[in-house]
């Protein structure tokens, strides 16, 4: 398959999804269930993506330096550190564990 066909199909698909969202009646969007889902869905998707990137290697679950970095970031978040400190803690711990052969 030509790459430009795939890019064009993806662009059309994104536009169709955007158009479908605009065609939804306003009354349907004001229901409490829909509002709650709209608030919680991005958090769930980001958590799933983070878990997949941190603990998966192909089809296998792994516990390596990425998990240590994620734990360091979680600890920094619990301590209410600024965002850049959270990222820096994750980077330093992950690099340190990898340098030590973990």
N, C-alpha and C. Protein backbone atom coordinates (compact mmCIF):
# COMPACT_ATOMS: atom_id res chain seq x y z
N UNK A 1 0.85 -1.18 0.00
CA UNK A 1 0.00 0.00 0.00
C UNK A 1 0.89 1.24 0.00
N UNK A 2 0.59 2.14 -0.86
CA UNK A 2 1.33 3.37 -0.95
C UNK A 2 1.13 4.18 0.34
N UNK A 3 2.20 4.79 0.85
CA UNK A 3 2.13 5.53 2.10
C UNK A 3 1.19 6.72 2.01
N UNK A 4 1.10 7.33 0.84
CA UNK A 4 0.24 8.50 0.70
C UNK A 4 -1.23 8.11 0.73
N UNK A 5 -1.54 6.91 0.29
CA UNK A 5 -2.93 6.43 0.40
C UNK A 5 -3.28 6.25 1.87
N UNK A 6 -2.37 5.70 2.64
CA UNK A 6 -2.61 5.53 4.07
C UNK A 6 -2.75 6.88 4.77
N UNK A 7 -1.91 7.85 4.41
CA UNK A 7 -2.00 9.18 5.01
C UNK A 7 -3.32 9.84 4.64
N UNK A 8 -3.72 9.73 3.38
CA UNK A 8 -4.99 10.31 2.95
C UNK A 8 -6.18 9.65 3.63
N UNK A 9 -6.15 8.33 3.76
CA UNK A 9 -7.24 7.63 4.43
C UNK A 9 -7.32 8.03 5.90
N UNK A 10 -6.17 8.18 6.55
CA UNK A 10 -6.15 8.60 7.95
C UNK A 10 -6.69 10.01 8.10
N UNK A 11 -6.31 10.91 7.21
CA UNK A 11 -6.80 12.29 7.26
C UNK A 11 -8.31 12.33 7.06
N UNK A 12 -8.80 11.57 6.09
CA UNK A 12 -10.26 11.52 5.88
C UNK A 12 -10.98 10.92 7.07
N UNK A 13 -10.41 9.89 7.67
CA UNK A 13 -11.01 9.29 8.86
C UNK A 13 -11.07 10.27 10.02
N UNK A 14 -9.99 11.02 10.23
CA UNK A 14 -9.99 12.03 11.30
C UNK A 14 -11.02 13.12 11.04
N UNK A 15 -11.12 13.55 9.81
CA UNK A 15 -12.12 14.56 9.47
C UNK A 15 -13.53 14.01 9.68
N UNK A 16 -13.77 12.77 9.32
CA UNK A 16 -15.10 12.17 9.50
C UNK A 16 -15.46 12.07 10.98
N UNK A 17 -14.50 11.71 11.81
CA UNK A 17 -14.77 11.64 13.25
C UNK A 17 -15.07 13.03 13.80
N UNK A 18 -14.32 14.04 13.37
CA UNK A 18 -14.56 15.41 13.81
C UNK A 18 -15.93 15.88 13.35
N UNK A 19 -16.30 15.58 12.13
CA UNK A 19 -17.60 15.97 11.61
C UNK A 19 -18.72 15.27 12.37
N UNK A 20 -18.54 13.99 12.68
CA UNK A 20 -19.55 13.26 13.45
C UNK A 20 -19.74 13.89 14.82
N UNK A 21 -18.64 14.35 15.44
CA UNK A 21 -18.74 15.00 16.74
C UNK A 21 -19.50 16.30 16.67
N UNK A 22 -19.34 17.02 15.57
CA UNK A 22 -20.06 18.29 15.42
C UNK A 22 -21.54 18.08 15.13
N UNK A 23 -21.89 16.92 14.59
CA UNK A 23 -23.29 16.66 14.25
C UNK A 23 -24.11 16.11 15.42
N UNK A 24 -23.46 15.81 16.54
CA UNK A 24 -24.17 15.31 17.71
C UNK A 24 -24.99 16.45 18.29
N UNK A 25 -26.28 16.23 18.58
CA UNK A 25 -27.11 17.29 19.14
C UNK A 25 -26.57 17.76 20.50
N UNK A 26 -26.71 19.05 20.77
CA UNK A 26 -26.21 19.63 22.02
C UNK A 26 -26.88 19.00 23.24
N UNK A 27 -28.14 18.61 23.11
CA UNK A 27 -28.84 17.99 24.23
C UNK A 27 -28.22 16.68 24.66
N UNK A 28 -27.67 15.94 23.70
CA UNK A 28 -27.04 14.66 24.03
C UNK A 28 -25.74 14.86 24.80
N UNK A 29 -25.08 15.97 24.54
CA UNK A 29 -23.81 16.25 25.21
C UNK A 29 -23.98 16.79 26.62
N UNK A 30 -25.16 17.25 26.95
CA UNK A 30 -25.40 17.84 28.27
C UNK A 30 -25.82 16.82 29.32
N UNK A 31 -26.02 15.57 28.92
CA UNK A 31 -26.40 14.54 29.90
C UNK A 31 -25.25 14.29 30.86
N UNK A 32 -25.56 14.04 32.14
CA UNK A 32 -24.50 13.84 33.14
C UNK A 32 -23.57 12.67 32.82
N UNK A 33 -24.10 11.59 32.29
CA UNK A 33 -23.26 10.44 31.96
C UNK A 33 -22.24 10.78 30.88
N UNK A 34 -22.68 11.49 29.86
CA UNK A 34 -21.79 11.87 28.76
C UNK A 34 -20.72 12.84 29.26
N UNK A 35 -21.10 13.78 30.13
CA UNK A 35 -20.13 14.74 30.67
C UNK A 35 -19.09 14.02 31.53
N UNK A 36 -19.55 13.06 32.33
CA UNK A 36 -18.61 12.33 33.19
C UNK A 36 -17.66 11.47 32.34
N UNK A 37 -18.21 10.81 31.32
CA UNK A 37 -17.37 10.03 30.42
C UNK A 37 -16.34 10.90 29.71
N UNK A 38 -16.75 12.07 29.27
CA UNK A 38 -15.84 12.97 28.58
C UNK A 38 -14.72 13.45 29.50
N UNK A 39 -15.01 13.53 30.79
CA UNK A 39 -13.98 13.97 31.74
C UNK A 39 -13.03 12.83 32.10
N UNK A 40 -13.52 11.59 32.17
CA UNK A 40 -12.71 10.48 32.65
C UNK A 40 -11.98 9.71 31.54
N UNK A 41 -12.51 9.74 30.34
CA UNK A 41 -11.92 8.94 29.26
C UNK A 41 -10.48 9.33 28.92
N UNK A 42 -10.13 10.61 28.81
CA UNK A 42 -8.73 10.94 28.51
C UNK A 42 -7.76 10.45 29.59
N UNK A 43 -8.18 10.51 30.86
CA UNK A 43 -7.32 10.04 31.94
C UNK A 43 -7.09 8.54 31.82
N UNK A 44 -8.14 7.79 31.54
CA UNK A 44 -8.01 6.34 31.40
C UNK A 44 -7.14 5.97 30.20
N UNK A 45 -7.30 6.66 29.10
CA UNK A 45 -6.49 6.38 27.91
C UNK A 45 -5.02 6.71 28.15
N UNK A 46 -4.73 7.82 28.84
CA UNK A 46 -3.35 8.18 29.13
C UNK A 46 -2.72 7.19 30.10
N UNK A 47 -3.48 6.73 31.09
CA UNK A 47 -2.96 5.74 32.04
C UNK A 47 -2.66 4.42 31.32
N UNK A 48 -3.54 4.01 30.42
CA UNK A 48 -3.31 2.78 29.67
C UNK A 48 -2.08 2.90 28.77
N UNK A 49 -1.91 4.03 28.12
CA UNK A 49 -0.75 4.25 27.27
C UNK A 49 0.54 4.24 28.09
N UNK A 50 0.51 4.88 29.26
CA UNK A 50 1.69 4.90 30.13
C UNK A 50 2.05 3.50 30.59
N UNK A 51 1.06 2.73 31.00
CA UNK A 51 1.32 1.36 31.46
C UNK A 51 1.86 0.50 30.33
N UNK A 52 1.32 0.66 29.14
CA UNK A 52 1.77 -0.14 28.01
C UNK A 52 3.21 0.21 27.64
N UNK A 53 3.55 1.49 27.68
CA UNK A 53 4.90 1.90 27.33
C UNK A 53 5.92 1.53 28.41
N UNK A 54 5.48 1.49 29.67
CA UNK A 54 6.41 1.25 30.77
C UNK A 54 6.63 -0.24 31.04
N UNK A 55 5.63 -1.06 30.81
CA UNK A 55 5.72 -2.46 31.24
C UNK A 55 5.64 -3.48 30.11
N UNK A 56 5.63 -3.04 28.86
CA UNK A 56 5.51 -3.99 27.75
C UNK A 56 6.72 -3.90 26.84
N UNK A 57 7.10 -5.06 26.34
CA UNK A 57 8.16 -5.14 25.32
C UNK A 57 7.69 -6.18 24.32
N UNK A 58 7.06 -5.71 23.26
CA UNK A 58 6.45 -6.64 22.31
C UNK A 58 5.23 -7.29 22.94
N UNK A 59 5.27 -8.62 23.07
CA UNK A 59 4.15 -9.35 23.67
C UNK A 59 4.44 -9.78 25.09
N UNK A 60 5.53 -9.29 25.67
CA UNK A 60 5.93 -9.72 27.01
C UNK A 60 5.86 -8.56 28.00
N UNK A 61 5.53 -8.88 29.23
CA UNK A 61 5.59 -7.90 30.30
C UNK A 61 7.00 -7.87 30.86
N UNK A 62 7.53 -6.68 31.08
CA UNK A 62 8.89 -6.56 31.61
C UNK A 62 8.90 -5.59 32.78
N UNK A 63 9.87 -5.78 33.65
CA UNK A 63 10.08 -4.88 34.78
C UNK A 63 11.55 -4.45 34.70
N UNK A 64 11.78 -3.29 34.10
CA UNK A 64 13.15 -2.83 33.88
C UNK A 64 13.32 -1.39 34.34
N UNK A 65 14.26 -0.70 33.77
CA UNK A 65 14.58 0.66 34.18
C UNK A 65 13.40 1.61 34.00
N UNK A 66 12.57 1.35 33.01
CA UNK A 66 11.41 2.21 32.79
C UNK A 66 10.46 2.19 33.98
N UNK A 67 10.30 1.02 34.60
CA UNK A 67 9.44 0.91 35.78
C UNK A 67 10.02 1.71 36.94
N UNK A 68 11.34 1.69 37.09
CA UNK A 68 11.98 2.48 38.15
C UNK A 68 11.78 3.97 37.91
N UNK A 69 11.90 4.40 36.66
CA UNK A 69 11.65 5.80 36.32
C UNK A 69 10.22 6.21 36.58
N UNK A 70 9.30 5.32 36.25
CA UNK A 70 7.89 5.60 36.51
C UNK A 70 7.62 5.70 38.01
N UNK A 71 8.24 4.83 38.78
CA UNK A 71 8.09 4.89 40.24
C UNK A 71 8.65 6.19 40.79
N UNK A 72 9.79 6.63 40.27
CA UNK A 72 10.38 7.90 40.71
C UNK A 72 9.47 9.07 40.37
N UNK A 73 8.87 9.04 39.19
CA UNK A 73 7.94 10.10 38.80
C UNK A 73 6.70 10.09 39.68
N UNK A 74 6.21 8.91 40.00
CA UNK A 74 5.04 8.81 40.88
C UNK A 74 5.36 9.36 42.26
N UNK A 75 6.54 9.05 42.78
CA UNK A 75 6.94 9.57 44.08
C UNK A 75 7.05 11.09 44.05
N UNK A 76 7.63 11.62 42.98
CA UNK A 76 7.73 13.08 42.85
C UNK A 76 6.34 13.72 42.77
N UNK A 77 5.41 13.06 42.11
CA UNK A 77 4.04 13.59 42.05
C UNK A 77 3.37 13.57 43.41
N UNK A 78 3.60 12.50 44.17
CA UNK A 78 3.03 12.41 45.52
C UNK A 78 3.58 13.53 46.40
N UNK A 79 4.85 13.86 46.20
CA UNK A 79 5.48 14.93 46.96
C UNK A 79 5.14 16.32 46.40
N UNK A 80 4.30 16.37 45.40
CA UNK A 80 3.83 17.60 44.78
C UNK A 80 4.95 18.44 44.17
N UNK A 81 5.86 17.75 43.52
CA UNK A 81 6.97 18.43 42.84
C UNK A 81 6.46 19.08 41.55
N UNK A 82 7.13 20.14 41.10
CA UNK A 82 6.76 20.74 39.80
C UNK A 82 6.97 19.74 38.67
N UNK A 83 6.28 19.98 37.56
CA UNK A 83 6.29 19.04 36.44
C UNK A 83 7.70 18.76 35.93
N UNK A 84 8.51 19.79 35.78
CA UNK A 84 9.87 19.57 35.28
C UNK A 84 10.70 18.73 36.23
N UNK A 85 10.46 18.85 37.53
CA UNK A 85 11.17 18.03 38.51
C UNK A 85 10.71 16.58 38.38
N UNK A 86 9.43 16.37 38.14
CA UNK A 86 8.90 15.02 37.96
C UNK A 86 9.56 14.36 36.75
N UNK A 87 9.62 15.08 35.65
CA UNK A 87 10.24 14.53 34.43
C UNK A 87 11.73 14.29 34.66
N UNK A 88 12.39 15.23 35.29
CA UNK A 88 13.83 15.08 35.55
C UNK A 88 14.10 13.88 36.46
N UNK A 89 13.28 13.69 37.48
CA UNK A 89 13.45 12.54 38.37
C UNK A 89 13.31 11.23 37.60
N UNK A 90 12.31 11.16 36.75
CA UNK A 90 12.11 9.94 35.95
C UNK A 90 13.29 9.69 35.02
N UNK A 91 13.79 10.72 34.39
CA UNK A 91 14.91 10.58 33.46
C UNK A 91 16.17 10.15 34.19
N UNK A 92 16.47 10.81 35.31
CA UNK A 92 17.70 10.50 36.05
C UNK A 92 17.66 9.08 36.60
N UNK A 93 16.53 8.67 37.17
CA UNK A 93 16.44 7.33 37.73
C UNK A 93 16.52 6.28 36.63
N UNK A 94 15.81 6.49 35.54
CA UNK A 94 15.86 5.52 34.44
C UNK A 94 17.27 5.39 33.88
N UNK A 95 17.93 6.53 33.66
CA UNK A 95 19.31 6.48 33.15
C UNK A 95 20.25 5.84 34.15
N UNK A 96 20.06 6.14 35.43
CA UNK A 96 20.91 5.53 36.45
C UNK A 96 20.77 4.03 36.52
N UNK A 97 19.54 3.56 36.47
CA UNK A 97 19.32 2.10 36.53
C UNK A 97 19.89 1.43 35.28
N UNK A 98 19.72 2.04 34.13
CA UNK A 98 20.29 1.47 32.90
C UNK A 98 21.81 1.47 32.94
N UNK A 99 22.40 2.54 33.51
CA UNK A 99 23.86 2.62 33.60
C UNK A 99 24.42 1.55 34.53
N UNK A 100 23.65 1.21 35.56
CA UNK A 100 24.08 0.19 36.50
C UNK A 100 23.81 -1.23 35.99
N UNK A 101 23.22 -1.32 34.81
CA UNK A 101 22.98 -2.62 34.19
C UNK A 101 21.65 -3.24 34.56
N UNK A 102 20.70 -2.43 35.01
CA UNK A 102 19.39 -2.97 35.43
C UNK A 102 18.39 -3.09 34.35
